[in-house]
Amino acid sequence: MAIAATLRNYGDVTLTDQLQEALNSRSIIDRAIGIIVATQHISPVEAFTALRKQSQNGNTRLATIARQLVDGYTQAD
């Protein structure tokens, strides 16, 4: 019983961590899309497509590409 409860609790914590990570990733991706839209004068769909292609071409997580873009943009200000 105790093992099952511990595993359930671990599963809940893991799921919570994963959901928080997903929310954080979504937020940074949205910010990167906004930067691309503002600087390149393209639609949000086109901006997301560009981010996705860069992610796939570099075999890098989309959130990582977005974070690099946002960090570079905010440091330039």
PDB file of N, CA and C in Angstrom:
ATOM      1  N   MET A   1       0.812  -1.193   0.000  1.00  0.00           N
ATOM      2  CA  MET A   1       0.000   0.000   0.000  1.00  0.00           C
ATOM      3  C   MET A   1       0.856   1.258   0.000  1.00  0.00           C
ATOM      4  N   ALA A   2       1.855   1.310   0.875  1.00  0.00           N
ATOM      5  CA  ALA A   2       2.689   2.505   0.985  1.00  0.00           C
ATOM      6  C   ALA A   2       3.456   2.754  -0.312  1.00  0.00           C
ATOM      7  N   ILE A   3       3.917   1.690  -0.928  1.00  0.00           N
ATOM      8  CA  ILE A   3       4.652   1.832  -2.188  1.00  0.00           C
ATOM      9  C   ILE A   3       3.740   2.391  -3.268  1.00  0.00           C
ATOM     10  N   ALA A   4       2.534   1.876  -3.348  1.00  0.00           N
ATOM     11  CA  ALA A   4       1.580   2.356  -4.350  1.00  0.00           C
ATOM     12  C   ALA A   4       1.261   3.831  -4.132  1.00  0.00           C
ATOM     13  N   ALA A   5       1.079   4.231  -2.878  1.00  0.00           N
ATOM     14  CA  ALA A   5       0.786   5.637  -2.571  1.00  0.00           C
ATOM     15  C   ALA A   5       1.970   6.522  -2.932  1.00  0.00           C
ATOM     16  N   THR A   6       3.166   6.059  -2.637  1.00  0.00           N
ATOM     17  CA  THR A   6       4.369   6.819  -2.977  1.00  0.00           C
ATOM     18  C   THR A   6       4.491   6.981  -4.483  1.00  0.00           C
ATOM     19  N   LEU A   7       4.256   5.912  -5.212  1.00  0.00           N
ATOM     20  CA  LEU A   7       4.331   5.982  -6.672  1.00  0.00           C
ATOM     21  C   LEU A   7       3.271   6.921  -7.233  1.00  0.00           C
ATOM     22  N   ARG A   8       2.075   6.893  -6.663  1.00  0.00           N
ATOM     23  CA  ARG A   8       1.016   7.811  -7.098  1.00  0.00           C
ATOM     24  C   ARG A   8       1.436   9.255  -6.853  1.00  0.00           C
ATOM     25  N   ASN A   9       1.980   9.512  -5.664  1.00  0.00           N
ATOM     26  CA  ASN A   9       2.434  10.867  -5.338  1.00  0.00           C
ATOM     27  C   ASN A   9       3.556  11.306  -6.271  1.00  0.00           C
ATOM     28  N   TYR A  10       4.479  10.400  -6.551  1.00  0.00           N
ATOM     29  CA  TYR A  10       5.569  10.710  -7.476  1.00  0.00           C
ATOM     30  C   TYR A  10       5.006  11.017  -8.855  1.00  0.00           C
ATOM     31  N   GLY A  11       4.033  10.230  -9.276  1.00  0.00           N
ATOM     32  CA  GLY A  11       3.394  10.467 -10.570  1.00  0.00           C
ATOM     33  C   GLY A  11       2.704  11.812 -10.621  1.00  0.00           C
ATOM     34  N   ASP A  12       2.050  12.198  -9.533  1.00  0.00           N
ATOM     35  CA  ASP A  12       1.392  13.509  -9.466  1.00  0.00           C
ATOM     36  C   ASP A  12       2.406  14.636  -9.556  1.00  0.00           C
ATOM     37  N   VAL A  13       3.515  14.502  -8.833  1.00  0.00           N
ATOM     38  CA  VAL A  13       4.560  15.528  -8.861  1.00  0.00           C
ATOM     39  C   VAL A  13       5.164  15.618 -10.257  1.00  0.00           C
ATOM     40  N   THR A  14       5.436  14.480 -10.858  1.00  0.00           N
ATOM     41  CA  THR A  14       6.008  14.463 -12.198  1.00  0.00           C
ATOM     42  C   THR A  14       5.061  15.113 -13.189  1.00  0.00           C
ATOM     43  N   LEU A  15       3.788  14.793 -13.117  1.00  0.00           N
ATOM     44  CA  LEU A  15       2.806  15.389 -14.019  1.00  0.00           C
ATOM     45  C   LEU A  15       2.724  16.890 -13.793  1.00  0.00           C
ATOM     46  N   THR A  16       2.730  17.307 -12.545  1.00  0.00           N
ATOM     47  CA  THR A  16       2.690  18.738 -12.233  1.00  0.00           C
ATOM     48  C   THR A  16       3.910  19.440 -12.812  1.00  0.00           C
ATOM     49  N   ASP A  17       5.073  18.850 -12.654  1.00  0.00           N
ATOM     50  CA  ASP A  17       6.299  19.425 -13.218  1.00  0.00           C
ATOM     51  C   ASP A  17       6.214  19.510 -14.736  1.00  0.00           C
ATOM     52  N   GLN A  18       5.686  18.467 -15.355  1.00  0.00           N
ATOM     53  CA  GLN A  18       5.563  18.453 -16.810  1.00  0.00           C
ATOM     54  C   GLN A  18       4.583  19.509 -17.293  1.00  0.00           C
ATOM     55  N   LEU A  19       3.480  19.676 -16.585  1.00  0.00           N
ATOM     56  CA  LEU A  19       2.500  20.694 -16.966  1.00  0.00           C
ATOM     57  C   LEU A  19       3.081  22.096 -16.805  1.00  0.00           C
ATOM     58  N   GLN A  20       3.826  22.318 -15.730  1.00  0.00           N
ATOM     59  CA  GLN A  20       4.456  23.626 -15.523  1.00  0.00           C
ATOM     60  C   GLN A  20       5.476  23.900 -16.620  1.00  0.00           C
ATOM     61  N   GLU A  21       6.245  22.899 -16.971  1.00  0.00           N
ATOM     62  CA  GLU A  21       7.229  23.038 -18.059  1.00  0.00           C
ATOM     63  C   GLU A  21       6.529  23.372 -19.370  1.00  0.00           C
ATOM     64  N   ALA A  22       5.416  22.721 -19.638  1.00  0.00           N
ATOM     65  CA  ALA A  22       4.661  22.989 -20.866  1.00  0.00           C
ATOM     66  C   ALA A  22       4.141  24.420 -20.887  1.00  0.00           C
ATOM     67  N   LEU A  23       3.642  24.896 -19.756  1.00  0.00           N
ATOM     68  CA  LEU A  23       3.158  26.280 -19.682  1.00  0.00           C
ATOM     69  C   LEU A  23       4.293  27.273 -19.885  1.00  0.00           C
ATOM     70  N   ASN A  24       5.432  27.006 -19.272  1.00  0.00           N
ATOM     71  CA  ASN A  24       6.589  27.885 -19.441  1.00  0.00           C
ATOM     72  C   ASN A  24       7.064  27.891 -20.886  1.00  0.00           C
ATOM     73  N   SER A  25       7.085  26.716 -21.504  1.00  0.00           N
ATOM     74  CA  SER A  25       7.505  26.616 -22.901  1.00  0.00           C
ATOM     75  C   SER A  25       6.548  27.375 -23.802  1.00  0.00           C
ATOM     76  N   ARG A  26       5.268  27.224 -23.554  1.00  0.00           N
ATOM     77  CA  ARG A  26       4.262  27.908 -24.374  1.00  0.00           C
ATOM     78  C   ARG A  26       4.421  29.423 -24.274  1.00  0.00           C
ATOM     79  N   SER A  27       4.677  29.899 -23.081  1.00  0.00           N
ATOM     80  CA  SER A  27       4.840  31.333 -22.861  1.00  0.00           C
ATOM     81  C   SER A  27       6.038  31.876 -23.632  1.00  0.00           C
ATOM     82  N   ILE A  28       7.153  31.187 -23.573  1.00  0.00           N
ATOM     83  CA  ILE A  28       8.358  31.672 -24.251  1.00  0.00           C
ATOM     84  C   ILE A  28       8.197  31.562 -25.764  1.00  0.00           C
ATOM     85  N   ILE A  29       7.511  30.526 -26.230  1.00  0.00           N
ATOM     86  CA  ILE A  29       7.259  30.380 -27.666  1.00  0.00           C
ATOM     87  C   ILE A  29       6.362  31.509 -28.153  1.00  0.00           C
ATOM     88  N   ASP A  30       5.344  31.844 -27.381  1.00  0.00           N
ATOM     89  CA  ASP A  30       4.466  32.957 -27.753  1.00  0.00           C
ATOM     90  C   ASP A  30       5.232  34.278 -27.814  1.00  0.00           C
ATOM     91  N   ARG A  31       6.142  34.493 -26.873  1.00  0.00           N
ATOM     92  CA  ARG A  31       6.955  35.717 -26.897  1.00  0.00           C
ATOM     93  C   ARG A  31       7.843  35.754 -28.133  1.00  0.00           C
ATOM     94  N   ALA A  32       8.442  34.618 -28.477  1.00  0.00           N
ATOM     95  CA  ALA A  32       9.295  34.558 -29.665  1.00  0.00           C
ATOM     96  C   ALA A  32       8.480  34.825 -30.926  1.00  0.00           C
ATOM     97  N   ILE A  33       7.291  34.260 -30.990  1.00  0.00           N
ATOM     98  CA  ILE A  33       6.409  34.507 -32.137  1.00  0.00           C
ATOM     99  C   ILE A  33       6.108  35.999 -32.237  1.00  0.00           C
ATOM    100  N   GLY A  34       5.825  36.633 -31.113  1.00  0.00           N
ATOM    101  CA  GLY A  34       5.550  38.064 -31.106  1.00  0.00           C
ATOM    102  C   GLY A  34       6.721  38.880 -31.623  1.00  0.00           C
ATOM    103  N   ILE A  35       7.920  38.512 -31.236  1.00  0.00           N
ATOM    104  CA  ILE A  35       9.118  39.212 -31.711  1.00  0.00           C
ATOM    105  C   ILE A  35       9.265  39.057 -33.216  1.00  0.00           C
ATOM    106  N   ILE A  36       9.072  37.843 -33.703  1.00  0.00           N
ATOM    107  CA  ILE A  36       9.202  37.597 -35.142  1.00  0.00           C
ATOM    108  C   ILE A  36       8.138  38.362 -35.911  1.00  0.00           C
ATOM    109  N   VAL A  37       6.911  38.339 -35.435  1.00  0.00           N
ATOM    110  CA  VAL A  37       5.816  39.065 -36.094  1.00  0.00           C
ATOM    111  C   VAL A  37       6.154  40.552 -36.172  1.00  0.00           C
ATOM    112  N   ALA A  38       6.635  41.108 -35.063  1.00  0.00           N
ATOM    113  CA  ALA A  38       6.924  42.543 -35.008  1.00  0.00           C
ATOM    114  C   ALA A  38       8.117  42.943 -35.870  1.00  0.00           C
ATOM    115  N   THR A  39       9.116  42.093 -35.922  1.00  0.00           N
ATOM    116  CA  THR A  39      10.335  42.471 -36.643  1.00  0.00           C
ATOM    117  C   THR A  39      10.328  42.061 -38.110  1.00  0.00           C
ATOM    118  N   GLN A  40       9.623  40.983 -38.427  1.00  0.00           N
ATOM    119  CA  GLN A  40       9.626  40.480 -39.802  1.00  0.00           C
ATOM    120  C   GLN A  40       8.355  40.820 -40.567  1.00  0.00           C
ATOM    121  N   HIS A  41       7.355  41.353 -39.848  1.00  0.00           N
ATOM    122  CA  HIS A  41       6.075  41.730 -40.467  1.00  0.00           C
ATOM    123  C   HIS A  41       5.425  40.555 -41.197  1.00  0.00           C
ATOM    124  N   ILE A  42       5.371  39.431 -40.476  1.00  0.00           N
ATOM    125  CA  ILE A  42       4.704  38.245 -41.002  1.00  0.00           C
ATOM    126  C   ILE A  42       3.617  37.840 -40.012  1.00  0.00           C
ATOM    127  N   SER A  43       2.786  36.898 -40.415  1.00  0.00           N
ATOM    128  CA  SER A  43       1.683  36.459 -39.555  1.00  0.00           C
ATOM    129  C   SER A  43       2.212  35.562 -38.429  1.00  0.00           C
ATOM    130  N   PRO A  44       1.446  35.426 -37.366  1.00  0.00           N
ATOM    131  CA  PRO A  44       1.841  34.508 -36.293  1.00  0.00           C
ATOM    132  C   PRO A  44       2.016  33.065 -36.777  1.00  0.00           C
ATOM    133  N   VAL A  45       1.196  32.651 -37.710  1.00  0.00           N
ATOM    134  CA  VAL A  45       1.321  31.288 -38.248  1.00  0.00           C
ATOM    135  C   VAL A  45       2.656  31.138 -38.972  1.00  0.00           C
ATOM    136  N   GLU A  46       3.018  32.139 -39.774  1.00  0.00           N
ATOM    137  CA  GLU A  46       4.302  32.093 -40.482  1.00  0.00           C
ATOM    138  C   GLU A  46       5.469  32.133 -39.493  1.00  0.00           C
ATOM    139  N   ALA A  47       5.326  32.917 -38.442  1.00  0.00           N
ATOM    140  CA  ALA A  47       6.378  33.003 -37.429  1.00  0.00           C
ATOM    141  C   ALA A  47       6.558  31.657 -36.729  1.00  0.00           C
ATOM    142  N   PHE A  48       5.451  31.016 -36.373  1.00  0.00           N
ATOM    143  CA  PHE A  48       5.539  29.706 -35.732  1.00  0.00           C
ATOM    144  C   PHE A  48       6.168  28.685 -36.676  1.00  0.00           C
ATOM    145  N   THR A  49       5.785  28.748 -37.945  1.00  0.00           N
ATOM    146  CA  THR A  49       6.353  27.832 -38.937  1.00  0.00           C
ATOM    147  C   THR A  49       7.863  28.022 -39.037  1.00  0.00           C
ATOM    148  N   ALA A  50       8.312  29.268 -39.029  1.00  0.00           N
ATOM    149  CA  ALA A  50       9.749  29.549 -39.097  1.00  0.00           C
ATOM    150  C   ALA A  50      10.472  28.998 -37.870  1.00  0.00           C
ATOM    151  N   LEU A  51       9.900  29.196 -36.700  1.00  0.00           N
ATOM    152  CA  LEU A  51      10.498  28.644 -35.479  1.00  0.00           C
ATOM    153  C   LEU A  51      10.554  27.122 -35.534  1.00  0.00           C
ATOM    154  N   ARG A  52       9.461  26.526 -35.963  1.00  0.00           N
ATOM    155  CA  ARG A  52       9.391  25.065 -36.036  1.00  0.00           C
ATOM    156  C   ARG A  52      10.437  24.519 -37.005  1.00  0.00           C
ATOM    157  N   LYS A  53      10.579  25.155 -38.164  1.00  0.00           N
ATOM    158  CA  LYS A  53      11.570  24.695 -39.146  1.00  0.00           C
ATOM    159  C   LYS A  53      12.982  24.803 -38.594  1.00  0.00           C
ATOM    160  N   GLN A  54      13.276  25.914 -37.922  1.00  0.00           N
ATOM    161  CA  GLN A  54      14.603  26.072 -37.334  1.00  0.00           C
ATOM    162  C   GLN A  54      14.847  25.004 -36.277  1.00  0.00           C
ATOM    163  N   SER A  55      13.832  24.705 -35.503  1.00  0.00           N
ATOM    164  CA  SER A  55      13.929  23.667 -34.488  1.00  0.00           C
ATOM    165  C   SER A  55      14.226  22.309 -35.122  1.00  0.00           C
ATOM    166  N   GLN A  56      13.491  21.986 -36.160  1.00  0.00           N
ATOM    167  CA  GLN A  56      13.672  20.698 -36.828  1.00  0.00           C
ATOM    168  C   GLN A  56      15.020  20.619 -37.533  1.00  0.00           C
ATOM    169  N   ASN A  57      15.405  21.694 -38.206  1.00  0.00           N
ATOM    170  CA  ASN A  57      16.675  21.693 -38.936  1.00  0.00           C
ATOM    171  C   ASN A  57      17.871  21.563 -38.001  1.00  0.00           C
ATOM    172  N   GLY A  58      17.768  22.159 -36.828  1.00  0.00           N
ATOM    173  CA  GLY A  58      18.863  22.091 -35.872  1.00  0.00           C
ATOM    174  C   GLY A  58      18.727  20.974 -34.865  1.00  0.00           C
ATOM    175  N   ASN A  59      17.655  20.193 -34.989  1.00  0.00           N
ATOM    176  CA  ASN A  59      17.377  19.110 -34.040  1.00  0.00           C
ATOM    177  C   ASN A  59      17.440  19.629 -32.597  1.00  0.00           C
ATOM    178  N   THR A  60      16.773  20.776 -32.407  1.00  0.00           N
ATOM    179  CA  THR A  60      16.755  21.455 -31.115  1.00  0.00           C
ATOM    180  C   THR A  60      15.307  21.677 -30.712  1.00  0.00           C
ATOM    181  N   ARG A  61      15.030  21.544 -29.424  1.00  0.00           N
ATOM    182  CA  ARG A  61      13.661  21.761 -28.946  1.00  0.00           C
ATOM    183  C   ARG A  61      13.179  23.150 -29.335  1.00  0.00           C
ATOM    184  N   LEU A  62      11.923  23.230 -29.697  1.00  0.00           N
ATOM    185  CA  LEU A  62      11.317  24.496 -30.092  1.00  0.00           C
ATOM    186  C   LEU A  62      11.438  25.529 -28.974  1.00  0.00           C
ATOM    187  N   ALA A  63      11.218  25.120 -27.749  1.00  0.00           N
ATOM    188  CA  ALA A  63      11.317  26.048 -26.616  1.00  0.00           C
ATOM    189  C   ALA A  63      12.736  26.586 -26.459  1.00  0.00           C
ATOM    190  N   THR A  64      13.725  25.787 -26.781  1.00  0.00           N
ATOM    191  CA  THR A  64      15.120  26.232 -26.698  1.00  0.00           C
ATOM    192  C   THR A  64      15.404  27.298 -27.746  1.00  0.00           C
ATOM    193  N   ILE A  65      14.933  27.070 -28.965  1.00  0.00           N
ATOM    194  CA  ILE A  65      15.090  28.055 -30.041  1.00  0.00           C
ATOM    195  C   ILE A  65      14.391  29.354 -29.643  1.00  0.00           C
ATOM    196  N   ALA A  66      13.189  29.235 -29.130  1.00  0.00           N
ATOM    197  CA  ALA A  66      12.425  30.415 -28.718  1.00  0.00           C
ATOM    198  C   ALA A  66      13.147  31.160 -27.602  1.00  0.00           C
ATOM    199  N   ARG A  67      13.666  30.450 -26.621  1.00  0.00           N
ATOM    200  CA  ARG A  67      14.388  31.071 -25.504  1.00  0.00           C
ATOM    201  C   ARG A  67      15.610  31.834 -26.017  1.00  0.00           C
ATOM    202  N   GLN A  68      16.348  31.249 -26.947  1.00  0.00           N
ATOM    203  CA  GLN A  68      17.526  31.917 -27.503  1.00  0.00           C
ATOM    204  C   GLN A  68      17.134  33.209 -28.209  1.00  0.00           C
ATOM    205  N   LEU A  69      16.051  33.157 -28.955  1.00  0.00           N
ATOM    206  CA  LEU A  69      15.578  34.341 -29.669  1.00  0.00           C
ATOM    207  C   LEU A  69      15.165  35.433 -28.688  1.00  0.00           C
ATOM    208  N   VAL A  70      14.367  35.079 -27.702  1.00  0.00           N
ATOM    209  CA  VAL A  70      13.893  36.059 -26.717  1.00  0.00           C
ATOM    210  C   VAL A  70      15.068  36.630 -25.925  1.00  0.00           C
ATOM    211  N   ASP A  71      15.971  35.777 -25.485  1.00  0.00           N
ATOM    212  CA  ASP A  71      17.131  36.250 -24.724  1.00  0.00           C
ATOM    213  C   ASP A  71      17.986  37.199 -25.559  1.00  0.00           C
ATOM    214  N   GLY A  72      18.220  36.843 -26.808  1.00  0.00           N
ATOM    215  CA  GLY A  72      19.007  37.702 -27.692  1.00  0.00           C
ATOM    216  C   GLY A  72      18.330  39.032 -27.953  1.00  0.00           C
ATOM    217  N   TYR A  73      17.032  38.999 -28.088  1.00  0.00           N
ATOM    218  CA  TYR A  73      16.277  40.223 -28.371  1.00  0.00           C
ATOM    219  C   TYR A  73      16.256  41.144 -27.155  1.00  0.00           C
ATOM    220  N   THR A  74      16.066  40.580 -25.978  1.00  0.00           N
ATOM    221  CA  THR A  74      16.002  41.411 -24.776  1.00  0.00           C
ATOM    222  C   THR A  74      17.375  41.945 -24.385  1.00  0.00           C
ATOM    223  N   GLN A  75      18.441  41.232 -24.697  1.00  0.00           N
ATOM    224  CA  GLN A  75      19.791  41.717 -24.409  1.00  0.00           C
ATOM    225  C   GLN A  75      20.185  42.845 -25.355  1.00  0.00           C
ATOM    226  N   ALA A  76      19.603  42.851 -26.546  1.00  0.00           N
ATOM    227  CA  ALA A  76      19.917  43.885 -27.529  1.00  0.00           C
ATOM    228  C   ALA A  76      19.299  45.223 -27.154  1.00  0.00           C
ATOM    229  N   ASP A  77      18.258  45.203 -26.328  1.00  0.00           N
ATOM    230  CA  ASP A  77      17.588  46.454 -25.926  1.00  0.00           C
ATOM    231  C   ASP A  77      18.380  47.241 -24.939  1.00  0.00           C
TER     232      ASP A  77
END
